[in-house]
Structure formats: C-alpha cells, structure tokens
Amino acid sequence: VITPIVGMTLFRSLAADALEEPQRHFEQPRRVQKAWPGWVATIDVAAAAVALFTGVLGVRPLVVAETSMEPALIRGDVVIVREPVDVAGLAIGDIVMYRQGTMPVTHRIVRIEDTPGGLMITTRGDNNRSEDTPVAADAIDGKVVFAVPWVGRIALWVRDH
C-alpha cells in the first residue's frame, strides 16, 4: 500500500522539478509554496488505506482467491467485509466470512439452527455441491457488504508468480 503512494509522491516531485522554470536565488520556489496540498492529500490517502486494511473503520477488504462462490463472486474480486458481525441480524442468503484454520472462507448462509450447544450456521459456496461443516455463530468474523469486481487479480497474480 505504501510503495505506490511513495512512488507517486516522488514522481510528482520529480515532474514538478523538471517542468518548473529556473528561479532566482532570492525568490521562494513555487514548488515550496504549492507542495503542502499534495502532501496533505498523500497523507490522507495513506491514512485511509491503513485504516481500511487494518479494520479500524469496521470493514476489511478480502480478495476472493477461489471459484467456490461463482457466479456471485469471481476469483479476483475484492469483497468488503463488515466486522464484527451482528449474529442476530444474519439471515439465510447472506454471504459471511469465517476462518477454517488460517484460511478465510467466504460462503453463503444456507441454514441457521438453534441447537442446545448454541446457534449453528451452515454455509455453502454457490458453485459447490455440498454444504460446509456447520460453524458456531461466534466463529463468523464478518458479513460481506459489497464486492468490487476484478480489483484483486493483480494481488492474486503476484501471489501465484
């Protein structure tokens, strides 16, 4: 996240230097006078990116890495997951995220059962033939609120190569 921001800032600075007319030694360079809005914007974008990727805003992006949710979610889509989730507000048909070991699983709820051991939620990928093993409601980490198509393809390509 930080690398593109630093790169854009350096490029902006170099481009401004290359295009700027020579200044007299007693004049304050125009670049110094106009630099602060660019830095403020860069810091704002960096802070927003850090807040988004750390979950501070209550949402977290997640790249869809498998095809189990096609056609609703395609490999390479980025889903925005709201955390934490209000379990009482979940319904059949909602797409939720939970962890199976260390791997995040993003599947659709197909059944919610109130058992003596507590609320159990069964999910299934839209492209899967069988249901997942039921998980306790408190194991649900978040609910998908929307998806951004194709944005995560670069991240998947970098990971795979």
Foldseek 3Di string as FASTA:
>chain_A
DVVVLVVVLVVVVVVCVVPADDDDPVDDGVCVVPVVVVVVVSVVVVVVVVCACVCVVQKHKDAACDDLQPPVAHHQKIFIWGFPDDLVPDDFQWWFWFDDDNDIDTFTWHDWDQDPVGIWTWTGHPNDDDIDDIDHSVRTGTTTPDIGPNNRPVVNVVVVD
